N, C-alpha and C. Protein backbone atom coordinates (compact mmCIF):
# COMPACT_ATOMS: atom_id res chain seq x y z
N MET A 1 193.39 1.31 121.17
CA MET A 1 193.94 2.21 119.89
C MET A 1 194.78 3.31 120.24
N LYS A 2 196.05 3.37 119.43
CA LYS A 2 197.18 4.56 120.26
C LYS A 2 196.85 5.56 119.20
N ILE A 3 196.80 6.69 119.45
CA ILE A 3 196.90 7.98 118.38
C ILE A 3 197.86 8.81 119.16
N LEU A 4 198.54 9.56 118.14
CA LEU A 4 199.25 10.58 118.44
C LEU A 4 198.71 11.70 118.06
N ALA A 5 198.09 13.03 118.74
CA ALA A 5 197.29 14.14 118.50
C ALA A 5 198.37 15.25 118.60
N ILE A 6 197.77 15.96 117.58
CA ILE A 6 198.42 16.99 117.19
C ILE A 6 197.68 18.29 117.26
N ASP A 7 197.59 19.76 117.97
CA ASP A 7 197.14 20.98 117.85
C ASP A 7 197.99 22.14 117.53
N THR A 8 197.87 22.67 116.36
CA THR A 8 198.77 23.98 116.22
C THR A 8 197.94 25.17 115.33
N SER A 9 196.99 24.95 115.69
CA SER A 9 195.64 25.73 115.00
C SER A 9 195.81 27.34 115.37
N GLY A 10 196.17 27.42 116.80
CA GLY A 10 196.19 28.76 117.26
C GLY A 10 197.66 29.12 117.94
N LEU A 11 197.65 30.25 119.06
CA LEU A 11 198.84 30.42 119.57
C LEU A 11 199.51 29.24 120.60
N VAL A 12 198.81 28.35 120.84
CA VAL A 12 199.13 27.26 121.72
C VAL A 12 199.50 26.02 120.95
N ALA A 13 200.57 25.54 121.32
CA ALA A 13 201.04 24.38 120.52
C ALA A 13 200.67 23.13 121.59
N SER A 14 200.04 21.89 121.02
CA SER A 14 199.74 21.16 122.10
C SER A 14 199.73 19.50 121.18
N VAL A 15 200.52 18.42 122.09
CA VAL A 15 200.61 17.38 121.58
C VAL A 15 200.12 16.32 122.65
N ALA A 16 199.68 14.94 121.92
CA ALA A 16 199.39 13.93 123.23
C ALA A 16 199.31 12.85 122.66
N ILE A 17 199.33 11.66 123.60
CA ILE A 17 199.28 10.35 123.21
C ILE A 17 197.99 10.00 124.04
N LEU A 18 197.31 9.23 123.35
CA LEU A 18 195.88 8.52 123.67
C LEU A 18 196.21 7.06 123.26
N ASP A 19 195.94 6.34 124.45
CA ASP A 19 196.10 4.86 124.08
C ASP A 19 195.05 4.28 124.93
N GLY A 20 194.10 3.60 124.04
CA GLY A 20 192.66 3.70 124.79
C GLY A 20 191.71 4.38 125.24
N ASP A 21 191.50 4.34 126.18
CA ASP A 21 190.54 5.11 127.22
C ASP A 21 191.59 5.99 128.17
N SER A 22 192.78 5.97 127.82
CA SER A 22 193.78 6.75 128.55
C SER A 22 194.57 7.68 128.12
N ILE A 23 194.67 8.93 128.44
CA ILE A 23 195.58 9.84 127.89
C ILE A 23 197.01 9.81 128.44
N LEU A 24 198.03 9.29 127.80
CA LEU A 24 199.52 8.65 128.63
C LEU A 24 200.14 9.97 128.86
N SER A 25 199.97 11.18 127.79
CA SER A 25 200.63 12.06 127.90
C SER A 25 200.14 13.05 127.26
N GLU A 26 200.12 14.44 127.70
CA GLU A 26 199.55 15.78 126.86
C GLU A 26 200.89 17.14 127.65
N TYR A 27 201.28 17.46 126.35
CA TYR A 27 202.27 18.52 126.43
C TYR A 27 201.83 20.01 125.70
N MET A 28 201.80 20.85 126.46
CA MET A 28 201.41 22.35 125.84
C MET A 28 201.94 23.45 126.15
N VAL A 29 202.32 24.04 125.35
CA VAL A 29 203.27 25.43 125.31
C VAL A 29 202.33 26.53 124.82
N ASN A 30 202.13 27.85 125.28
CA ASN A 30 201.73 28.69 125.30
C ASN A 30 202.36 30.06 125.52
N TYR A 31 203.50 30.26 125.01
CA TYR A 31 204.70 31.05 125.50
C TYR A 31 205.84 31.47 124.56
N LYS A 32 205.40 32.23 123.77
CA LYS A 32 206.83 33.13 123.21
C LYS A 32 207.43 32.27 122.15
N LYS A 33 206.82 31.33 121.45
CA LYS A 33 207.88 30.45 120.68
C LYS A 33 206.90 30.02 119.39
N THR A 34 207.38 29.89 118.29
CA THR A 34 206.80 29.72 117.09
C THR A 34 206.74 27.79 117.07
N HIS A 35 205.62 27.27 116.52
CA HIS A 35 205.50 26.15 116.16
C HIS A 35 206.41 25.44 115.80
N SER A 36 207.18 25.93 114.54
CA SER A 36 208.35 25.40 113.78
C SER A 36 209.39 25.21 115.14
N GLU A 37 209.62 26.11 116.11
CA GLU A 37 210.59 25.61 117.30
C GLU A 37 209.91 24.50 118.31
N THR A 38 208.81 24.31 118.76
CA THR A 38 208.31 23.59 119.51
C THR A 38 207.82 22.36 118.99
N LEU A 39 207.38 22.18 118.25
CA LEU A 39 206.20 21.11 117.79
C LEU A 39 207.13 19.83 117.84
N MET A 40 208.18 19.60 116.89
CA MET A 40 208.87 18.27 117.07
C MET A 40 209.88 18.14 118.54
N PRO A 41 210.14 18.67 118.94
CA PRO A 41 210.97 18.80 120.59
C PRO A 41 209.65 18.04 121.45
N MET A 42 208.49 18.60 121.08
CA MET A 42 207.49 18.55 122.12
C MET A 42 207.01 16.93 121.70
N ILE A 43 206.56 16.38 120.63
CA ILE A 43 206.29 15.15 120.09
C ILE A 43 207.60 14.08 120.51
N ALA A 44 208.85 14.65 120.48
CA ALA A 44 209.79 13.89 120.88
C ALA A 44 209.77 13.27 122.48
N GLU A 45 209.80 14.56 123.19
CA GLU A 45 209.48 14.37 124.68
C GLU A 45 208.64 13.66 124.98
N ILE A 46 207.27 13.64 124.58
CA ILE A 46 206.26 12.52 124.96
C ILE A 46 206.15 11.26 124.45
N ILE A 47 206.91 11.14 123.59
CA ILE A 47 207.40 9.83 122.85
C ILE A 47 208.41 8.98 124.01
N ARG A 48 209.44 9.81 124.25
CA ARG A 48 210.19 9.66 125.55
C ARG A 48 209.89 9.33 126.52
N MET A 49 209.08 9.89 126.86
CA MET A 49 208.57 10.17 128.58
C MET A 49 207.63 8.83 128.99
N THR A 50 207.13 8.57 127.55
CA THR A 50 205.88 7.42 127.78
C THR A 50 206.86 6.11 127.42
N GLU A 51 208.00 6.17 126.93
CA GLU A 51 208.78 5.04 126.02
C GLU A 51 207.71 4.30 125.10
N THR A 52 207.19 5.28 124.27
CA THR A 52 206.19 4.63 123.08
C THR A 52 207.24 4.24 121.92
N ASP A 53 206.91 3.25 121.23
CA ASP A 53 207.44 2.66 119.89
C ASP A 53 206.78 3.82 118.86
N LYS A 54 207.63 4.22 118.02
CA LYS A 54 206.62 5.17 117.16
C LYS A 54 205.79 4.16 116.19
N ALA A 55 206.42 3.28 116.08
CA ALA A 55 205.42 2.12 115.07
C ALA A 55 204.36 1.66 115.61
N SER A 56 204.15 1.98 116.89
CA SER A 56 202.82 1.19 117.59
C SER A 56 201.73 2.15 117.55
N PHE A 57 201.80 3.60 117.00
CA PHE A 57 200.69 4.22 116.37
C PHE A 57 199.87 3.84 115.54
N ASP A 58 198.50 3.78 115.99
CA ASP A 58 197.64 3.50 114.81
C ASP A 58 196.87 4.51 113.89
N ALA A 59 196.91 5.81 114.37
CA ALA A 59 196.74 6.77 113.40
C ALA A 59 197.42 8.43 114.28
N ILE A 60 197.07 9.52 113.42
CA ILE A 60 197.41 10.52 114.11
C ILE A 60 196.11 11.44 113.74
N ALA A 61 195.89 12.24 114.87
CA ALA A 61 194.68 12.99 115.22
C ALA A 61 195.19 14.46 114.87
N ILE A 62 194.68 15.45 114.19
CA ILE A 62 195.40 16.61 114.02
C ILE A 62 194.17 17.55 113.88
N ALA A 63 194.12 18.59 114.45
CA ALA A 63 193.35 19.90 114.56
C ALA A 63 193.26 20.25 113.10
N GLY A 64 192.56 20.07 112.24
CA GLY A 64 192.41 20.17 110.70
C GLY A 64 192.11 21.47 110.48
N GLY A 65 191.70 22.26 111.27
CA GLY A 65 191.45 23.96 110.69
C GLY A 65 190.00 24.34 111.25
N PRO A 66 189.68 25.48 111.21
CA PRO A 66 190.40 26.74 110.89
C PRO A 66 191.39 26.99 111.77
N GLY A 67 192.24 27.99 111.79
CA GLY A 67 192.95 28.51 112.63
C GLY A 67 194.14 29.39 112.09
N SER A 68 195.16 29.40 112.77
CA SER A 68 196.65 30.21 112.18
C SER A 68 196.91 29.52 110.69
N PHE A 69 197.01 30.31 109.69
CA PHE A 69 197.56 29.56 108.45
C PHE A 69 198.86 29.03 108.51
N THR A 70 199.76 29.81 108.92
CA THR A 70 200.92 29.07 109.48
C THR A 70 200.91 27.89 110.40
N GLY A 71 200.23 28.09 111.45
CA GLY A 71 199.95 26.79 112.22
C GLY A 71 199.53 25.59 111.69
N LEU A 72 198.37 25.71 111.14
CA LEU A 72 197.94 24.97 110.36
C LEU A 72 198.97 23.83 109.51
N ARG A 73 199.93 25.33 108.52
CA ARG A 73 200.42 24.48 107.70
C ARG A 73 201.76 23.66 108.19
N ILE A 74 202.34 23.99 109.37
CA ILE A 74 203.29 23.62 110.21
C ILE A 74 202.82 22.09 110.73
N GLY A 75 201.57 22.01 111.25
CA GLY A 75 200.98 20.83 111.90
C GLY A 75 200.71 19.99 111.12
N SER A 76 200.19 20.43 109.79
CA SER A 76 199.95 19.19 108.63
C SER A 76 200.98 18.66 108.16
N ALA A 77 202.02 19.59 108.04
CA ALA A 77 203.48 18.91 107.49
C ALA A 77 203.95 17.99 108.14
N THR A 78 203.68 18.22 109.37
CA THR A 78 204.47 17.57 110.32
C THR A 78 203.74 15.99 110.53
N ALA A 79 202.40 16.13 110.48
CA ALA A 79 201.33 14.98 110.87
C ALA A 79 201.65 13.96 109.33
N LYS A 80 201.85 14.52 108.07
CA LYS A 80 201.94 13.90 107.03
C LYS A 80 203.25 13.17 106.97
N GLY A 81 204.23 14.09 107.38
CA GLY A 81 205.75 13.17 107.55
C GLY A 81 205.75 12.07 108.19
N ILE A 82 205.39 12.38 109.55
CA ILE A 82 205.00 10.85 110.33
C ILE A 82 204.13 10.09 109.84
N ALA A 83 203.13 10.34 109.55
CA ALA A 83 202.02 9.55 108.71
C ALA A 83 202.63 8.70 107.67
N GLN A 84 203.29 8.97 106.77
CA GLN A 84 204.14 8.74 105.39
C GLN A 84 205.17 7.87 105.96
N MET A 85 205.91 8.40 106.99
CA MET A 85 207.25 7.05 107.28
C MET A 85 206.46 6.10 108.08
N TYR A 86 205.29 5.97 108.73
CA TYR A 86 204.84 4.69 109.31
C TYR A 86 203.29 4.29 108.98
N ASP A 87 203.18 4.59 107.69
CA ASP A 87 202.05 4.19 107.10
C ASP A 87 200.74 4.29 107.89
N LEU A 88 200.55 5.62 108.34
CA LEU A 88 199.69 5.66 109.41
C LEU A 88 198.46 6.69 108.51
N PRO A 89 196.91 6.29 109.01
CA PRO A 89 196.10 7.25 108.55
C PRO A 89 195.98 8.56 109.39
N ILE A 90 195.37 9.57 108.82
CA ILE A 90 195.42 10.99 109.61
C ILE A 90 193.78 11.15 109.69
N ILE A 91 193.48 11.51 110.98
CA ILE A 91 192.07 11.67 111.52
C ILE A 91 192.08 13.49 111.50
N SER A 92 191.45 14.05 110.73
CA SER A 92 191.72 15.49 110.58
C SER A 92 190.28 15.93 111.82
N VAL A 93 190.52 16.64 112.80
CA VAL A 93 189.44 16.82 113.62
C VAL A 93 189.18 18.45 113.65
N PRO A 94 188.03 18.99 113.14
CA PRO A 94 187.68 20.21 113.03
C PRO A 94 188.17 21.17 114.35
N THR A 95 188.67 22.03 114.11
CA THR A 95 189.43 22.80 115.30
C THR A 95 188.37 23.38 116.23
N VAL A 96 186.96 23.75 115.97
CA VAL A 96 186.61 24.44 116.66
C VAL A 96 185.65 23.38 117.27
N ASP A 97 185.19 22.16 116.91
CA ASP A 97 184.69 21.14 117.43
C ASP A 97 185.78 20.55 118.61
N ALA A 98 186.83 20.70 118.42
CA ALA A 98 187.87 20.05 119.29
C ALA A 98 187.75 20.74 120.60
N LEU A 99 187.74 22.28 120.20
CA LEU A 99 188.06 23.32 121.19
C LEU A 99 186.76 23.19 122.20
N ALA A 100 185.65 23.09 121.63
CA ALA A 100 184.07 22.78 122.20
C ALA A 100 184.36 21.60 123.24
N TYR A 101 185.03 20.73 122.71
CA TYR A 101 184.92 19.34 123.83
C TYR A 101 185.72 19.60 124.73
N ASN A 102 186.32 20.79 125.16
CA ASN A 102 187.06 20.89 126.35
C ASN A 102 186.06 21.19 127.22
N ILE A 103 184.88 21.45 126.97
CA ILE A 103 183.75 21.69 127.86
C ILE A 103 182.83 20.19 127.96
N TRP A 104 182.30 19.64 128.81
CA TRP A 104 181.57 18.50 128.89
C TRP A 104 180.56 18.49 129.65
N ALA A 105 179.21 17.84 129.17
CA ALA A 105 178.37 17.54 129.85
C ALA A 105 177.49 18.77 130.48
N THR A 106 177.38 19.99 129.59
CA THR A 106 176.31 21.23 130.48
C THR A 106 175.45 21.15 129.80
N ASP A 107 174.38 21.98 130.66
CA ASP A 107 173.20 22.08 129.79
C ASP A 107 173.25 23.52 129.02
N SER A 108 174.26 24.41 129.35
CA SER A 108 174.46 25.48 128.43
C SER A 108 174.76 25.19 127.15
N LEU A 109 174.93 26.09 126.08
CA LEU A 109 175.34 26.12 124.73
C LEU A 109 176.91 26.16 125.07
N VAL A 110 177.65 25.43 124.42
CA VAL A 110 179.09 25.83 124.33
C VAL A 110 179.54 26.60 122.93
N VAL A 111 180.18 27.59 122.98
CA VAL A 111 180.39 28.48 122.11
C VAL A 111 181.97 28.71 121.96
N PRO A 112 182.96 28.16 121.08
CA PRO A 112 184.36 28.31 121.25
C PRO A 112 184.34 29.73 120.29
N ILE A 113 185.06 30.93 120.58
CA ILE A 113 185.71 31.76 119.50
C ILE A 113 187.03 32.07 119.78
N MET A 114 187.49 31.73 118.17
CA MET A 114 188.79 32.33 118.05
C MET A 114 188.79 33.73 117.35
N ASP A 115 189.81 34.28 117.53
CA ASP A 115 190.05 35.61 116.77
C ASP A 115 190.55 35.31 115.64
N ALA A 116 189.81 35.54 114.36
CA ALA A 116 190.30 35.44 113.17
C ALA A 116 190.53 36.94 112.68
N ARG A 117 190.64 37.77 113.27
CA ARG A 117 191.18 39.13 112.86
C ARG A 117 189.86 39.53 111.91
N ARG A 118 190.09 40.81 111.58
CA ARG A 118 189.46 41.74 110.65
C ARG A 118 187.86 41.52 111.41
N ASN A 119 187.97 41.70 112.90
CA ASN A 119 186.64 41.55 113.65
C ASN A 119 185.77 40.55 113.26
N GLN A 120 186.49 39.33 112.82
CA GLN A 120 185.86 38.04 112.63
C GLN A 120 186.39 37.15 113.63
N THR A 121 185.34 35.82 113.90
CA THR A 121 185.77 35.02 114.83
C THR A 121 185.57 33.36 114.13
N TYR A 122 186.36 32.56 114.58
CA TYR A 122 185.88 31.36 113.96
C TYR A 122 185.37 30.54 114.89
N THR A 123 183.97 30.22 114.88
CA THR A 123 183.26 29.95 115.81
C THR A 123 182.32 28.73 115.63
N GLY A 124 181.72 28.32 116.42
CA GLY A 124 180.39 27.34 116.31
C GLY A 124 179.73 27.20 117.46
N ILE A 125 178.38 26.31 117.40
CA ILE A 125 177.54 26.63 118.52
C ILE A 125 177.32 24.94 119.15
N TYR A 126 177.36 24.58 120.11
CA TYR A 126 177.34 23.08 120.49
C TYR A 126 176.72 22.80 121.72
N GLU A 127 176.07 21.65 121.75
CA GLU A 127 175.37 21.56 123.19
C GLU A 127 175.58 19.95 123.30
N TYR A 128 175.16 19.31 124.75
CA TYR A 128 175.31 17.98 125.08
C TYR A 128 173.95 17.49 125.24
N SER A 129 173.76 16.19 124.58
CA SER A 129 172.43 15.32 124.98
C SER A 129 172.63 14.82 126.49
N GLU A 130 171.67 14.07 126.78
CA GLU A 130 171.54 13.67 128.02
C GLU A 130 172.63 12.53 128.29
N ASP A 131 172.60 12.05 127.24
CA ASP A 131 174.08 10.76 127.40
C ASP A 131 175.58 11.27 127.63
N GLY A 132 175.45 12.85 127.39
CA GLY A 132 176.92 13.13 126.95
C GLY A 132 177.61 13.18 125.90
N GLU A 133 176.62 13.13 124.55
CA GLU A 133 177.26 13.29 123.50
C GLU A 133 177.31 14.76 122.79
N MET A 134 178.59 15.12 122.64
CA MET A 134 178.33 16.62 121.73
C MET A 134 177.64 16.64 120.47
N ARG A 135 176.60 17.66 120.40
CA ARG A 135 175.91 17.86 119.40
C ARG A 135 176.32 19.08 118.42
N VAL A 136 176.72 19.44 117.26
CA VAL A 136 177.02 20.20 116.50
C VAL A 136 175.33 20.95 116.33
N LEU A 137 175.26 22.20 116.46
CA LEU A 137 174.04 23.26 116.36
C LEU A 137 174.33 24.08 115.24
N MET A 138 175.76 24.76 115.09
CA MET A 138 176.03 25.44 114.10
C MET A 138 177.64 24.88 113.77
N GLU A 139 177.91 24.52 112.80
CA GLU A 139 179.00 23.94 112.31
C GLU A 139 180.27 25.19 112.24
N GLN A 140 181.29 25.03 112.35
CA GLN A 140 182.61 25.98 112.47
C GLN A 140 182.41 26.36 111.29
N CYS A 141 182.58 28.15 111.53
CA CYS A 141 182.52 29.24 110.44
C CYS A 141 183.25 30.28 110.82
N ALA A 142 183.70 31.28 109.80
CA ALA A 142 183.89 32.30 110.16
C ALA A 142 183.09 33.51 109.81
N ILE A 143 182.72 34.41 111.01
CA ILE A 143 181.47 35.32 111.04
C ILE A 143 181.98 36.45 111.88
N SER A 144 181.30 37.72 112.04
CA SER A 144 181.69 38.69 112.74
C SER A 144 180.75 38.27 114.14
N VAL A 145 181.37 38.76 115.31
CA VAL A 145 180.84 38.59 116.70
C VAL A 145 179.65 39.11 116.85
N GLU A 146 179.25 40.10 115.98
CA GLU A 146 177.94 40.71 116.17
C GLU A 146 176.73 39.63 115.44
N GLU A 147 177.62 39.01 114.27
CA GLU A 147 176.46 37.98 113.83
C GLU A 147 176.07 36.59 114.74
N LEU A 148 177.36 36.51 115.36
CA LEU A 148 177.18 35.51 116.56
C LEU A 148 176.31 35.71 117.54
N VAL A 149 176.36 36.96 118.20
CA VAL A 149 175.45 37.57 119.39
C VAL A 149 173.77 37.57 118.96
N GLU A 150 173.91 38.04 117.56
CA GLU A 150 172.35 38.06 117.37
C GLU A 150 171.91 36.41 117.15
N LYS A 151 172.52 35.45 116.61
CA LYS A 151 172.29 34.17 116.62
C LYS A 151 172.08 33.44 118.13
N LEU A 152 172.94 33.78 118.76
CA LEU A 152 172.52 33.45 120.13
C LEU A 152 171.52 34.04 121.21
N ASN A 153 171.37 35.55 121.22
CA ASN A 153 170.15 35.91 121.37
C ASN A 153 168.74 35.22 120.84
N SER A 154 168.81 34.85 119.90
CA SER A 154 167.64 34.35 119.11
C SER A 154 167.35 32.74 119.43
N MET A 155 168.36 32.31 120.23
CA MET A 155 168.16 30.64 120.65
C MET A 155 167.78 30.85 122.15
N ASP A 156 168.28 32.34 122.82
CA ASP A 156 167.66 32.27 124.43
C ASP A 156 167.85 30.94 124.93
N ARG A 157 169.35 30.50 125.19
CA ARG A 157 169.89 29.66 126.37
C ARG A 157 171.05 30.31 126.62
N SER A 158 171.43 29.75 127.81
CA SER A 158 172.70 30.15 128.29
C SER A 158 173.85 29.62 127.53
N VAL A 159 175.20 30.26 127.93
CA VAL A 159 176.18 30.22 127.10
C VAL A 159 177.47 30.04 127.84
N ILE A 160 178.54 29.37 127.38
CA ILE A 160 179.63 29.24 127.72
C ILE A 160 180.68 29.49 126.80
N PHE A 161 181.43 30.65 126.85
CA PHE A 161 182.64 30.88 126.22
C PHE A 161 183.85 30.39 126.31
N LEU A 162 184.68 30.01 125.48
CA LEU A 162 186.10 29.59 125.39
C LEU A 162 186.86 29.94 124.21
N GLY A 163 188.09 29.96 124.15
CA GLY A 163 188.86 30.09 123.32
C GLY A 163 189.77 31.78 123.23
N ASP A 164 190.99 31.96 122.47
CA ASP A 164 191.57 33.04 122.74
C ASP A 164 190.78 34.09 122.10
N GLY A 165 189.39 34.03 121.60
CA GLY A 165 188.93 35.41 121.26
C GLY A 165 188.00 35.88 122.22
N VAL A 166 187.99 34.81 123.64
CA VAL A 166 187.49 35.80 124.47
C VAL A 166 188.04 37.24 125.06
N VAL A 167 189.59 37.06 124.98
CA VAL A 167 190.10 38.40 125.62
C VAL A 167 190.13 39.82 124.45
N ARG A 168 189.65 39.07 123.16
CA ARG A 168 189.56 40.68 122.52
C ARG A 168 188.10 40.92 122.38
N PHE A 169 187.12 39.93 122.49
CA PHE A 169 185.45 40.16 122.11
C PHE A 169 184.59 40.18 123.31
N LYS A 170 185.42 40.06 124.62
CA LYS A 170 184.64 39.70 125.88
C LYS A 170 183.86 40.96 126.07
N GLU A 171 184.42 42.29 126.12
CA GLU A 171 183.62 43.51 126.40
C GLU A 171 182.39 43.61 125.28
N LEU A 172 182.57 43.36 124.02
CA LEU A 172 181.47 43.49 123.23
C LEU A 172 180.11 42.40 123.40
N ILE A 173 180.83 41.47 124.09
CA ILE A 173 179.55 40.27 124.19
C ILE A 173 179.24 40.57 125.31
N ASP A 174 179.83 41.14 126.52
CA ASP A 174 179.04 41.48 127.66
C ASP A 174 178.14 42.83 127.33
N GLU A 175 178.07 43.85 126.39
CA GLU A 175 177.57 44.72 126.13
C GLU A 175 176.31 44.47 125.47
N THR A 176 176.16 43.42 124.41
CA THR A 176 175.31 42.94 123.38
C THR A 176 174.77 41.53 123.64
N LEU A 177 175.21 40.87 124.53
CA LEU A 177 174.33 39.47 124.39
C LEU A 177 173.48 39.71 125.64
N LYS A 178 172.08 39.32 125.37
CA LYS A 178 171.08 39.46 126.34
C LYS A 178 170.95 38.14 127.36
N VAL A 179 171.44 37.01 126.70
CA VAL A 179 171.30 35.82 127.46
C VAL A 179 172.45 35.50 128.52
N ALA A 180 171.90 34.93 129.57
CA ALA A 180 173.05 34.55 130.66
C ALA A 180 174.07 33.93 129.95
N HIS A 181 175.66 34.24 130.46
CA HIS A 181 176.95 33.70 129.81
C HIS A 181 177.76 33.84 130.95
N LYS A 182 178.98 32.86 130.66
CA LYS A 182 179.91 32.78 131.68
C LYS A 182 181.19 32.45 130.63
N TYR A 183 182.37 32.52 131.28
CA TYR A 183 183.76 32.00 130.33
C TYR A 183 184.26 31.07 130.95
N ALA A 184 185.15 30.24 130.23
CA ALA A 184 185.50 28.87 130.65
C ALA A 184 186.90 29.44 131.50
N PRO A 185 187.39 28.74 132.32
CA PRO A 185 188.86 29.04 133.28
C PRO A 185 189.64 28.69 132.17
N ALA A 186 190.89 29.25 132.70
CA ALA A 186 192.36 29.12 131.59
C ALA A 186 192.40 27.78 131.27
N HIS A 187 192.40 26.94 132.36
CA HIS A 187 192.66 25.59 131.79
C HIS A 187 191.77 24.61 131.04
N HIS A 188 190.56 25.47 130.74
CA HIS A 188 189.74 24.80 129.60
C HIS A 188 189.53 25.50 128.61
N SER A 189 190.18 26.43 128.41
CA SER A 189 189.88 27.94 127.33
C SER A 189 190.59 27.74 126.30
N ARG A 190 191.92 27.00 125.99
CA ARG A 190 192.64 27.01 124.70
C ARG A 190 192.65 25.49 124.38
N GLN A 191 193.02 25.63 123.24
CA GLN A 191 193.33 24.08 122.23
C GLN A 191 194.12 23.39 123.03
N ARG A 192 193.62 22.18 123.04
CA ARG A 192 194.36 21.04 123.72
C ARG A 192 194.24 19.49 122.76
N ALA A 193 195.54 19.35 122.85
CA ALA A 193 195.68 18.06 121.69
C ALA A 193 194.88 16.53 122.54
N GLY A 194 194.51 16.65 123.72
CA GLY A 194 193.83 15.84 124.21
C GLY A 194 192.59 15.66 123.92
N ALA A 195 191.90 16.78 123.76
CA ALA A 195 190.80 16.85 123.05
C ALA A 195 190.59 16.24 121.52
N VAL A 196 191.63 16.86 120.79
CA VAL A 196 191.92 16.27 119.51
C VAL A 196 191.94 14.57 119.47
N ALA A 197 192.76 14.10 120.23
CA ALA A 197 192.95 12.82 120.35
C ALA A 197 191.58 12.13 120.86
N VAL A 198 190.52 12.31 121.44
CA VAL A 198 189.72 11.82 121.87
C VAL A 198 188.53 11.95 121.02
N LEU A 199 188.48 13.09 120.31
CA LEU A 199 187.40 13.12 119.38
C LEU A 199 187.63 12.31 117.96
N GLY A 200 189.22 12.43 117.95
CA GLY A 200 190.19 11.60 116.64
C GLY A 200 189.38 10.22 116.83
N ALA A 201 189.71 9.56 117.93
CA ALA A 201 189.18 8.34 118.07
C ALA A 201 187.88 8.03 117.49
N LYS A 202 186.95 8.94 118.18
CA LYS A 202 185.40 8.69 117.80
C LYS A 202 185.28 8.73 116.13
N TYR A 203 186.15 9.61 115.71
CA TYR A 203 186.04 9.77 114.18
C TYR A 203 186.53 8.63 113.49
N TYR A 204 187.97 8.04 114.15
CA TYR A 204 188.31 6.91 113.42
C TYR A 204 187.03 5.71 113.26
N GLU A 205 186.23 5.66 114.41
CA GLU A 205 185.46 4.49 114.62
C GLU A 205 184.53 4.72 113.36
N GLN A 206 184.12 5.94 113.30
CA GLN A 206 183.35 6.36 111.95
C GLN A 206 183.74 6.36 110.79
N GLY A 207 184.89 5.85 110.66
CA GLY A 207 185.76 5.95 109.03
C GLY A 207 185.96 7.19 108.67
N LYS A 208 186.13 8.33 109.41
CA LYS A 208 186.36 9.65 109.08
C LYS A 208 188.02 9.85 109.24
N TYR A 209 188.47 9.40 107.90
CA TYR A 209 190.08 9.56 108.54
C TYR A 209 190.56 9.66 106.63
N THR A 210 191.99 9.95 106.47
CA THR A 210 192.20 10.19 105.23
C THR A 210 193.77 9.39 105.18
N THR A 211 194.30 9.22 104.02
CA THR A 211 195.80 9.12 104.14
C THR A 211 196.52 10.25 104.14
N ALA A 212 197.81 10.45 104.07
CA ALA A 212 198.70 11.28 104.26
C ALA A 212 198.71 12.01 103.18
N GLU A 213 198.87 11.46 102.02
CA GLU A 213 198.54 12.49 100.80
C GLU A 213 197.40 12.97 100.62
N GLU A 214 196.34 12.51 101.30
CA GLU A 214 194.91 13.30 101.09
C GLU A 214 194.68 14.56 101.95
N HIS A 215 195.28 14.42 103.06
CA HIS A 215 195.31 15.42 103.86
C HIS A 215 195.55 16.67 103.45
N GLU A 216 194.19 17.61 103.93
CA GLU A 216 194.77 19.00 103.85
C GLU A 216 193.97 19.91 104.90
N PRO A 217 194.84 20.76 105.39
CA PRO A 217 194.07 21.69 106.29
C PRO A 217 192.66 22.46 105.50
N GLU A 218 191.71 22.69 106.65
CA GLU A 218 190.57 23.33 106.03
C GLU A 218 190.73 25.05 106.70
N TYR A 219 190.71 25.99 105.95
CA TYR A 219 191.27 27.10 106.36
C TYR A 219 189.76 27.81 106.54
N LEU A 220 188.77 27.68 105.66
CA LEU A 220 187.65 28.45 105.93
C LEU A 220 187.57 29.60 105.00
N ARG A 221 188.87 30.25 104.97
CA ARG A 221 188.72 31.47 104.13
C ARG A 221 190.37 31.91 103.87
N LYS A 222 190.40 32.68 102.87
CA LYS A 222 191.59 33.12 102.37
C LYS A 222 192.42 33.56 103.29
N SER A 223 193.76 33.45 103.02
CA SER A 223 194.93 33.93 104.09
C SER A 223 195.16 35.53 104.05
N GLN A 224 195.47 36.26 104.76
CA GLN A 224 195.71 37.53 104.84
C GLN A 224 196.26 38.08 103.20
N ALA A 225 197.51 37.14 103.17
CA ALA A 225 198.45 37.56 102.06
C ALA A 225 197.61 37.49 100.77
N GLU A 226 197.06 36.64 100.46
CA GLU A 226 195.88 36.35 99.61
C GLU A 226 194.84 37.38 99.68
N ARG A 227 194.36 38.16 100.72
CA ARG A 227 193.23 39.12 100.45
C ARG A 227 193.93 40.28 100.12
N GLU A 228 195.31 40.68 100.81
CA GLU A 228 195.66 42.02 100.57
C GLU A 228 196.27 41.97 99.14
N ARG A 229 196.68 40.91 98.43
CA ARG A 229 196.66 40.61 97.19
C ARG A 229 195.89 41.11 96.05
N GLU A 230 194.73 40.52 96.40
CA GLU A 230 193.44 40.70 95.75
C GLU A 230 193.00 42.20 95.71
N GLU A 231 193.26 42.73 96.83
CA GLU A 231 192.96 43.91 97.15
C GLU A 231 193.85 45.13 96.47
N ARG A 232 194.92 44.66 96.56
CA ARG A 232 196.02 45.62 95.35
C ARG A 232 195.76 45.68 93.94
N ASN A 233 195.11 44.19 93.71
CA ASN A 233 194.85 43.92 92.12
C ASN A 233 193.84 44.76 91.79
N ALA A 234 192.73 44.98 92.75
CA ALA A 234 191.36 45.48 92.41
C ALA A 234 191.51 46.95 92.30
């Protein structure tokens, strides 16, 4: 199975091509560029470098949210356009699940934290079974870091944190989290389309995919503009 994967849910733009059990190409940019500037050139480049026929894709996997509202919309529009052109299904992979999949086969809990602003984080709690399968212990959600720390203290297990929220919340976590914890190194700590692709293949086998027309990002909460408008109206 050949999958084109896209992740524009955060500051990182990442695209990849998965062919069977092999990632043929993965391209990531995390430097002063908007997704509208980078995404299509990145897709074109990995297709060119791997000499891939666009019509040979079986599906498109995308980080479906939560994350940056603008980033999610750009990724979704791009995926929908390509899917409609080539009549492909779209596999929407929960952003936090894909981020957690950067860490594999550990005895610790895996906890991605994305900066959701307003002192909140997009997060979830994951573990791995003995056979290496990822289990979701707390589904992705938007909560305060204090709530997350309280939950993790009650679980009394070591934790690996990753994600762009580490930069903002590390000091608070170190001060309040009582269980042993550590932080993933840079090459495992940001969104990667390769993880979206591999999880997407698993979801496809389970029948978890939609048409381009049906696909919509999962924002988990209202945009900042919507919240500010409601506050003004109130």
